[in-house]
């Protein structure tokens, strides 16, 4: 029996029951079903979830807006499961804080696999936190504390998603080293995830907006045209 708690948000009762049955067969027993954004927000205010599965088309609030609201209070991985399949919708979902995007009709086993990926990464991060010492990158204006899962800029905590944090932490561990978009995707999302280069670009854009003085002229997460990205610690900007 798996102890993780999963929140399913969809206005199709039949689909909710289908996904619930699939997850139960895989050993998940703590599954909460909601059919509206209001119900979902109430549940999130009451307990901590390990994964949130979210539809875009809900009766009382657009799923993208709901994702934005959820991100104000938690970094729990969010997987969109929706019939909205355009590239624009996918990019919107990821840009607002989604960690994955699955379109309907879907393969039930794929949904389970995507959930397992998110849970496995969470377990790995917890294990690393328990065994690591002094994993703090302090660059004055910007500080990344891996042990506490916190990013601060000029002393103010920066809200970020789990994937944004993982991406920045990885870059901090490899300062001034250039990575291609594909390398970053494999290191942070994993080699078996079903995504594309746009996922990395979107997350870097979001980090720039939160960390750079001028996101359009970045000094910290720098793009080398045709090659990839590298992280330049603020205290080392002169070494570019």
C-alpha atoms as a PDB file:
ATOM      1  CA  UNK A   1       0.000   0.000   0.000  1.00  0.00           C
ATOM      2  CA  UNK A   2       1.312   3.427  -0.964  1.00  0.00           C
ATOM      3  CA  UNK A   3       1.012   6.206   1.623  1.00  0.00           C
ATOM      4  CA  UNK A   4       1.068   9.176  -0.750  1.00  0.00           C
ATOM      5  CA  UNK A   5      -2.050  11.332  -0.973  1.00  0.00           C
ATOM      6  CA  UNK A   6      -3.343  12.324  -4.411  1.00  0.00           C
ATOM      7  CA  UNK A   7      -5.920  14.995  -5.278  1.00  0.00           C
ATOM      8  CA  UNK A   8      -7.979  14.539  -8.466  1.00  0.00           C
ATOM      9  CA  UNK A   9      -9.823  17.584  -9.838  1.00  0.00           C
ATOM     10  CA  UNK A  10     -12.207  17.048 -12.772  1.00  0.00           C
ATOM     11  CA  UNK A  11     -15.870  17.787 -13.447  1.00  0.00           C
ATOM     12  CA  UNK A  12     -16.399  14.414 -15.177  1.00  0.00           C
ATOM     13  CA  UNK A  13     -17.466  11.996 -12.454  1.00  0.00           C
ATOM     14  CA  UNK A  14     -16.873   8.975 -14.664  1.00  0.00           C
ATOM     15  CA  UNK A  15     -13.305  10.014 -15.395  1.00  0.00           C
ATOM     16  CA  UNK A  16     -12.635  10.655 -11.708  1.00  0.00           C
ATOM     17  CA  UNK A  17     -13.807   7.156 -10.809  1.00  0.00           C
ATOM     18  CA  UNK A  18     -11.769   5.658 -13.657  1.00  0.00           C
ATOM     19  CA  UNK A  19      -8.536   7.316 -12.547  1.00  0.00           C
ATOM     20  CA  UNK A  20      -9.296   6.484  -8.917  1.00  0.00           C
ATOM     21  CA  UNK A  21      -9.786   2.797  -9.788  1.00  0.00           C
ATOM     22  CA  UNK A  22      -6.540   2.711 -11.756  1.00  0.00           C
ATOM     23  CA  UNK A  23      -4.607   4.274  -8.905  1.00  0.00           C
ATOM     24  CA  UNK A  24      -6.160   1.941  -6.359  1.00  0.00           C
ATOM     25  CA  UNK A  25      -5.074  -1.047  -8.447  1.00  0.00           C
ATOM     26  CA  UNK A  26      -1.542   0.358  -8.301  1.00  0.00           C
ATOM     27  CA  UNK A  27      -1.716   0.431  -4.502  1.00  0.00           C
ATOM     28  CA  UNK A  28      -2.679   4.072  -3.860  1.00  0.00           C
ATOM     29  CA  UNK A  29      -5.296   4.285  -1.115  1.00  0.00           C
ATOM     30  CA  UNK A  30      -5.318   7.967  -0.156  1.00  0.00           C
ATOM     31  CA  UNK A  31      -7.161   9.578  -3.061  1.00  0.00           C
ATOM     32  CA  UNK A  32      -9.384  12.646  -2.794  1.00  0.00           C
ATOM     33  CA  UNK A  33     -11.912  13.423  -5.559  1.00  0.00           C
ATOM     34  CA  UNK A  34     -13.212  16.940  -6.278  1.00  0.00           C
ATOM     35  CA  UNK A  35     -15.335  18.275  -9.137  1.00  0.00           C
ATOM     36  CA  UNK A  36     -14.880  22.030  -8.725  1.00  0.00           C
ATOM     37  CA  UNK A  37     -12.054  24.480  -8.127  1.00  0.00           C
ATOM     38  CA  UNK A  38     -13.675  25.611  -4.876  1.00  0.00           C
ATOM     39  CA  UNK A  39     -13.693  22.048  -3.528  1.00  0.00           C
ATOM     40  CA  UNK A  40     -10.073  21.592  -4.570  1.00  0.00           C
ATOM     41  CA  UNK A  41      -8.916  24.762  -2.812  1.00  0.00           C
ATOM     42  CA  UNK A  42     -10.784  23.735   0.336  1.00  0.00           C
ATOM     43  CA  UNK A  43      -9.077  20.346   0.353  1.00  0.00           C
ATOM     44  CA  UNK A  44      -5.655  21.901  -0.244  1.00  0.00           C
ATOM     45  CA  UNK A  45      -6.180  24.255   2.694  1.00  0.00           C
ATOM     46  CA  UNK A  46      -6.904  21.280   4.963  1.00  0.00           C
ATOM     47  CA  UNK A  47      -4.093  18.877   4.101  1.00  0.00           C
ATOM     48  CA  UNK A  48      -0.844  18.375   2.229  1.00  0.00           C
ATOM     49  CA  UNK A  49      -1.019  16.428  -1.032  1.00  0.00           C
ATOM     50  CA  UNK A  50       1.848  14.648  -2.766  1.00  0.00           C
ATOM     51  CA  UNK A  51       0.459  15.074  -6.304  1.00  0.00           C
ATOM     52  CA  UNK A  52      -2.432  17.077  -7.787  1.00  0.00           C
ATOM     53  CA  UNK A  53      -4.109  15.945 -11.039  1.00  0.00           C
ATOM     54  CA  UNK A  54      -5.934  18.902 -12.549  1.00  0.00           C
ATOM     55  CA  UNK A  55      -8.354  19.403 -15.433  1.00  0.00           C
ATOM     56  CA  UNK A  56      -8.413  22.732 -17.269  1.00  0.00           C
ATOM     57  CA  UNK A  57     -12.140  22.975 -17.986  1.00  0.00           C
ATOM     58  CA  UNK A  58     -13.893  23.267 -14.615  1.00  0.00           C
ATOM     59  CA  UNK A  59     -17.372  24.711 -13.986  1.00  0.00           C
ATOM     60  CA  UNK A  60     -16.410  27.458 -11.546  1.00  0.00           C
ATOM     61  CA  UNK A  61     -12.859  28.433 -12.475  1.00  0.00           C
ATOM     62  CA  UNK A  62     -10.477  27.909 -15.369  1.00  0.00           C
ATOM     63  CA  UNK A  63      -7.965  25.205 -14.444  1.00  0.00           C
ATOM     64  CA  UNK A  64      -5.076  27.469 -15.368  1.00  0.00           C
ATOM     65  CA  UNK A  65      -6.301  30.086 -12.908  1.00  0.00           C
ATOM     66  CA  UNK A  66      -6.752  27.367 -10.286  1.00  0.00           C
ATOM     67  CA  UNK A  67      -3.146  26.308 -10.839  1.00  0.00           C
ATOM     68  CA  UNK A  68      -2.070  29.898 -10.243  1.00  0.00           C
ATOM     69  CA  UNK A  69      -4.016  29.946  -6.959  1.00  0.00           C
ATOM     70  CA  UNK A  70      -2.563  26.621  -5.836  1.00  0.00           C
ATOM     71  CA  UNK A  71       0.956  27.850  -6.491  1.00  0.00           C
ATOM     72  CA  UNK A  72       0.445  30.659  -3.968  1.00  0.00           C
ATOM     73  CA  UNK A  73       0.457  28.133  -1.127  1.00  0.00           C
ATOM     74  CA  UNK A  74       2.216  24.932  -2.200  1.00  0.00           C
ATOM     75  CA  UNK A  75       4.896  23.510  -4.478  1.00  0.00           C
ATOM     76  CA  UNK A  76       3.146  20.134  -4.740  1.00  0.00           C
ATOM     77  CA  UNK A  77       3.614  18.713  -8.272  1.00  0.00           C
ATOM     78  CA  UNK A  78       0.650  19.512 -10.541  1.00  0.00           C
ATOM     79  CA  UNK A  79      -0.158  17.315 -13.537  1.00  0.00           C
ATOM     80  CA  UNK A  80      -2.695  18.684 -16.000  1.00  0.00           C
ATOM     81  CA  UNK A  81      -5.011  16.005 -17.413  1.00  0.00           C
ATOM     82  CA  UNK A  82      -7.200  17.696 -20.004  1.00  0.00           C
ATOM     83  CA  UNK A  83      -8.758  17.643 -23.459  1.00  0.00           C
ATOM     84  CA  UNK A  84      -7.101  21.005 -24.202  1.00  0.00           C
ATOM     85  CA  UNK A  85      -4.298  19.747 -26.414  1.00  0.00           C
ATOM     86  CA  UNK A  86      -2.904  22.749 -28.291  1.00  0.00           C
ATOM     87  CA  UNK A  87       0.727  23.805 -27.864  1.00  0.00           C
ATOM     88  CA  UNK A  88      -0.512  27.126 -26.497  1.00  0.00           C
ATOM     89  CA  UNK A  89      -2.517  25.394 -23.766  1.00  0.00           C
ATOM     90  CA  UNK A  90       0.405  23.158 -22.833  1.00  0.00           C
ATOM     91  CA  UNK A  91       2.808  26.079 -22.642  1.00  0.00           C
ATOM     92  CA  UNK A  92       0.295  28.057 -20.589  1.00  0.00           C
ATOM     93  CA  UNK A  93      -0.105  25.218 -18.104  1.00  0.00           C
ATOM     94  CA  UNK A  94       3.637  24.831 -17.663  1.00  0.00           C
ATOM     95  CA  UNK A  95       4.208  28.572 -17.449  1.00  0.00           C
ATOM     96  CA  UNK A  96       1.675  28.906 -14.630  1.00  0.00           C
ATOM     97  CA  UNK A  97       3.353  26.265 -12.500  1.00  0.00           C
ATOM     98  CA  UNK A  98       2.322  22.877 -13.888  1.00  0.00           C
ATOM     99  CA  UNK A  99       4.919  20.118 -13.735  1.00  0.00           C
ATOM    100  CA  UNK A 100       3.477  17.915 -16.477  1.00  0.00           C
ATOM    101  CA  UNK A 101       0.716  18.006 -19.091  1.00  0.00           C
ATOM    102  CA  UNK A 102      -1.268  14.971 -20.305  1.00  0.00           C
ATOM    103  CA  UNK A 103      -3.990  15.207 -22.948  1.00  0.00           C
ATOM    104  CA  UNK A 104      -7.227  13.250 -23.265  1.00  0.00           C
ATOM    105  CA  UNK A 105      -7.813  10.605 -24.444  1.00  0.00           C
ATOM    106  CA  UNK A 106      -4.997   9.148 -22.395  1.00  0.00           C
ATOM    107  CA  UNK A 107      -3.378   5.830 -21.626  1.00  0.00           C
ATOM    108  CA  UNK A 108      -4.170   5.056 -17.959  1.00  0.00           C
ATOM    109  CA  UNK A 109      -0.793   3.394 -17.477  1.00  0.00           C
ATOM    110  CA  UNK A 110       0.916   6.536 -18.753  1.00  0.00           C
ATOM    111  CA  UNK A 111      -0.871   8.606 -16.116  1.00  0.00           C
ATOM    112  CA  UNK A 112       0.303   6.217 -13.420  1.00  0.00           C
ATOM    113  CA  UNK A 113       3.857   6.347 -14.794  1.00  0.00           C
ATOM    114  CA  UNK A 114       3.877  10.160 -14.782  1.00  0.00           C
ATOM    115  CA  UNK A 115       2.638  10.193 -11.181  1.00  0.00           C
ATOM    116  CA  UNK A 116       5.302   7.701 -10.177  1.00  0.00           C
ATOM    117  CA  UNK A 117       7.990   9.908 -11.715  1.00  0.00           C
ATOM    118  CA  UNK A 118       6.888  12.886  -9.623  1.00  0.00           C
ATOM    119  CA  UNK A 119       6.693  10.835  -6.434  1.00  0.00           C
ATOM    120  CA  UNK A 120      10.073   9.229  -7.069  1.00  0.00           C
ATOM    121  CA  UNK A 121      11.703  12.617  -7.483  1.00  0.00           C
ATOM    122  CA  UNK A 122      10.118  13.828  -4.246  1.00  0.00           C
ATOM    123  CA  UNK A 123      11.448  10.797  -2.365  1.00  0.00           C
ATOM    124  CA  UNK A 124      14.921  11.320  -3.826  1.00  0.00           C
ATOM    125  CA  UNK A 125      14.887  14.971  -2.766  1.00  0.00           C
ATOM    126  CA  UNK A 126      13.808  14.052   0.765  1.00  0.00           C
ATOM    127  CA  UNK A 127      16.551  11.430   1.026  1.00  0.00           C
ATOM    128  CA  UNK A 128      19.133  13.903  -0.204  1.00  0.00           C
ATOM    129  CA  UNK A 129      17.963  16.468   2.328  1.00  0.00           C
ATOM    130  CA  UNK A 130      18.329  13.951   5.145  1.00  0.00           C
ATOM    131  CA  UNK A 131      21.914  13.064   4.240  1.00  0.00           C
ATOM    132  CA  UNK A 132      23.321  16.357   2.971  1.00  0.00           C
ATOM    133  CA  UNK A 133      25.131  19.010   4.978  1.00  0.00           C
ATOM    134  CA  UNK A 134      25.688  22.662   4.195  1.00  0.00           C
ATOM    135  CA  UNK A 135      23.915  22.737   0.874  1.00  0.00           C
ATOM    136  CA  UNK A 136      23.484  26.500   0.880  1.00  0.00           C
ATOM    137  CA  UNK A 137      24.471  28.710  -2.050  1.00  0.00           C
ATOM    138  CA  UNK A 138      24.765  32.253  -0.708  1.00  0.00           C
ATOM    139  CA  UNK A 139      25.515  34.894  -3.320  1.00  0.00           C
ATOM    140  CA  UNK A 140      24.519  37.911  -1.257  1.00  0.00           C
ATOM    141  CA  UNK A 141      21.438  39.194  -3.047  1.00  0.00           C
ATOM    142  CA  UNK A 142      20.387  35.642  -3.925  1.00  0.00           C
ATOM    143  CA  UNK A 143      20.496  32.656  -1.579  1.00  0.00           C
ATOM    144  CA  UNK A 144      19.447  29.075  -2.364  1.00  0.00           C
ATOM    145  CA  UNK A 145      19.066  26.734   0.612  1.00  0.00           C
ATOM    146  CA  UNK A 146      18.588  23.170  -0.641  1.00  0.00           C
ATOM    147  CA  UNK A 147      18.149  21.746   2.851  1.00  0.00           C
ATOM    148  CA  UNK A 148      15.177  24.030   3.540  1.00  0.00           C
ATOM    149  CA  UNK A 149      13.931  24.213  -0.045  1.00  0.00           C
ATOM    150  CA  UNK A 150      14.045  28.028   0.018  1.00  0.00           C
ATOM    151  CA  UNK A 151      15.169  30.732  -2.380  1.00  0.00           C
ATOM    152  CA  UNK A 152      15.545  34.318  -1.213  1.00  0.00           C
ATOM    153  CA  UNK A 153      16.270  37.489  -3.169  1.00  0.00           C
ATOM    154  CA  UNK A 154      17.391  40.536  -1.204  1.00  0.00           C
ATOM    155  CA  UNK A 155      16.160  38.806   1.945  1.00  0.00           C
ATOM    156  CA  UNK A 156      12.666  38.120   0.603  1.00  0.00           C
ATOM    157  CA  UNK A 157      11.592  34.556  -0.027  1.00  0.00           C
ATOM    158  CA  UNK A 158      10.902  33.760  -3.678  1.00  0.00           C
ATOM    159  CA  UNK A 159       7.927  31.498  -4.365  1.00  0.00           C
ATOM    160  CA  UNK A 160       8.728  28.810  -6.894  1.00  0.00           C
ATOM    161  CA  UNK A 161       7.521  25.435  -8.080  1.00  0.00           C
ATOM    162  CA  UNK A 162       9.346  22.207  -7.301  1.00  0.00           C
ATOM    163  CA  UNK A 163      10.750  22.001 -10.825  1.00  0.00           C
ATOM    164  CA  UNK A 164      11.913  25.629 -10.780  1.00  0.00           C
ATOM    165  CA  UNK A 165      13.742  24.910  -7.532  1.00  0.00           C
ATOM    166  CA  UNK A 166      15.279  21.692  -8.836  1.00  0.00           C
ATOM    167  CA  UNK A 167      16.447  23.418 -12.018  1.00  0.00           C
ATOM    168  CA  UNK A 168      18.027  26.335 -10.164  1.00  0.00           C
ATOM    169  CA  UNK A 169      19.622  24.032  -7.583  1.00  0.00           C
ATOM    170  CA  UNK A 170      21.157  21.918 -10.335  1.00  0.00           C
ATOM    171  CA  UNK A 171      22.564  25.000 -12.046  1.00  0.00           C
ATOM    172  CA  UNK A 172      23.956  26.265  -8.729  1.00  0.00           C
ATOM    173  CA  UNK A 173      25.757  22.969  -8.229  1.00  0.00           C
ATOM    174  CA  UNK A 174      27.422  23.464 -11.616  1.00  0.00           C
ATOM    175  CA  UNK A 175      28.305  27.183 -11.858  1.00  0.00           C
ATOM    176  CA  UNK A 176      29.709  28.491 -15.131  1.00  0.00           C
ATOM    177  CA  UNK A 177      29.164  25.127 -16.803  1.00  0.00           C
ATOM    178  CA  UNK A 178      27.200  25.136 -20.056  1.00  0.00           C
ATOM    179  CA  UNK A 179      24.317  22.671 -20.484  1.00  0.00           C
ATOM    180  CA  UNK A 180      22.216  22.091 -23.554  1.00  0.00           C
ATOM    181  CA  UNK A 181      18.442  22.250 -23.178  1.00  0.00           C
ATOM    182  CA  UNK A 182      18.261  18.487 -23.611  1.00  0.00           C
ATOM    183  CA  UNK A 183      20.850  17.922 -20.870  1.00  0.00           C
ATOM    184  CA  UNK A 184      18.920  20.143 -18.466  1.00  0.00           C
ATOM    185  CA  UNK A 185      15.690  18.327 -19.263  1.00  0.00           C
ATOM    186  CA  UNK A 186      17.233  14.913 -18.610  1.00  0.00           C
ATOM    187  CA  UNK A 187      18.942  16.023 -15.392  1.00  0.00           C
ATOM    188  CA  UNK A 188      15.879  17.717 -13.860  1.00  0.00           C
ATOM    189  CA  UNK A 189      12.844  16.009 -15.395  1.00  0.00           C
ATOM    190  CA  UNK A 190      14.470  12.658 -16.076  1.00  0.00           C
ATOM    191  CA  UNK A 191      15.355  10.830 -19.304  1.00  0.00           C
ATOM    192  CA  UNK A 192      12.045   8.978 -19.468  1.00  0.00           C
ATOM    193  CA  UNK A 193       9.665  11.912 -19.099  1.00  0.00           C
ATOM    194  CA  UNK A 194       7.572  12.884 -22.112  1.00  0.00           C
ATOM    195  CA  UNK A 195       8.347  16.534 -22.707  1.00  0.00           C
ATOM    196  CA  UNK A 196      10.226  18.846 -25.030  1.00  0.00           C
ATOM    197  CA  UNK A 197      12.717  21.701 -25.117  1.00  0.00           C
ATOM    198  CA  UNK A 198       9.985  24.272 -24.507  1.00  0.00           C
ATOM    199  CA  UNK A 199       9.524  22.926 -20.972  1.00  0.00           C
ATOM    200  CA  UNK A 200      13.075  23.921 -20.022  1.00  0.00           C
ATOM    201  CA  UNK A 201      12.873  27.294 -21.768  1.00  0.00           C
ATOM    202  CA  UNK A 202       9.639  28.169 -19.948  1.00  0.00           C
ATOM    203  CA  UNK A 203      11.070  27.292 -16.534  1.00  0.00           C
ATOM    204  CA  UNK A 204      14.226  29.307 -17.180  1.00  0.00           C
ATOM    205  CA  UNK A 205      12.094  32.266 -18.262  1.00  0.00           C
ATOM    206  CA  UNK A 206      10.121  32.043 -15.016  1.00  0.00           C
ATOM    207  CA  UNK A 207      13.298  31.884 -12.920  1.00  0.00           C
ATOM    208  CA  UNK A 208      14.703  34.909 -14.716  1.00  0.00           C
ATOM    209  CA  UNK A 209      11.587  36.931 -13.922  1.00  0.00           C
ATOM    210  CA  UNK A 210      12.018  36.071 -10.243  1.00  0.00           C
ATOM    211  CA  UNK A 211      15.800  36.490  -9.923  1.00  0.00           C
ATOM    212  CA  UNK A 212      17.175  38.834 -12.574  1.00  0.00           C
ATOM    213  CA  UNK A 213      17.240  42.616 -12.263  1.00  0.00           C
ATOM    214  CA  UNK A 214      16.326  42.751 -15.955  1.00  0.00           C
ATOM    215  CA  UNK A 215      14.916  39.420 -17.235  1.00  0.00           C
ATOM    216  CA  UNK A 216      15.380  40.601 -20.838  1.00  0.00           C
ATOM    217  CA  UNK A 217      19.096  41.171 -20.210  1.00  0.00           C
ATOM    218  CA  UNK A 218      19.924  38.312 -17.828  1.00  0.00           C
ATOM    219  CA  UNK A 219      23.189  38.266 -15.885  1.00  0.00           C
ATOM    220  CA  UNK A 220      22.649  35.105 -13.841  1.00  0.00           C
ATOM    221  CA  UNK A 221      21.082  32.450 -16.091  1.00  0.00           C
ATOM    222  CA  UNK A 222      22.759  33.222 -19.390  1.00  0.00           C
ATOM    223  CA  UNK A 223      21.966  31.809 -22.819  1.00  0.00           C
ATOM    224  CA  UNK A 224      24.794  30.980 -25.192  1.00  0.00           C
ATOM    225  CA  UNK A 225      23.093  31.083 -28.547  1.00  0.00           C
ATOM    226  CA  UNK A 226      23.085  27.733 -30.282  1.00  0.00           C
ATOM    227  CA  UNK A 227      24.766  26.005 -27.321  1.00  0.00           C
ATOM    228  CA  UNK A 228      22.727  26.160 -24.123  1.00  0.00           C
ATOM    229  CA  UNK A 229      22.524  27.831 -20.712  1.00  0.00           C
ATOM    230  CA  UNK A 230      24.876  28.409 -17.821  1.00  0.00           C
ATOM    231  CA  UNK A 231      24.496  29.792 -14.315  1.00  0.00           C
ATOM    232  CA  UNK A 232      26.777  32.672 -13.371  1.00  0.00           C
ATOM    233  CA  UNK A 233      26.718  33.333  -9.596  1.00  0.00           C
ATOM    234  CA  UNK A 234      26.218  37.059  -8.927  1.00  0.00           C
ATOM    235  CA  UNK A 235      29.554  37.302  -7.127  1.00  0.00           C
ATOM    236  CA  UNK A 236      31.265  35.870 -10.211  1.00  0.00           C
ATOM    237  CA  UNK A 237      29.612  37.991 -12.899  1.00  0.00           C
ATOM    238  CA  UNK A 238      32.909  39.620 -13.742  1.00  0.00           C
ATOM    239  CA  UNK A 239      34.322  36.248 -14.855  1.00  0.00           C
ATOM    240  CA  UNK A 240      32.014  35.877 -17.854  1.00  0.00           C
END
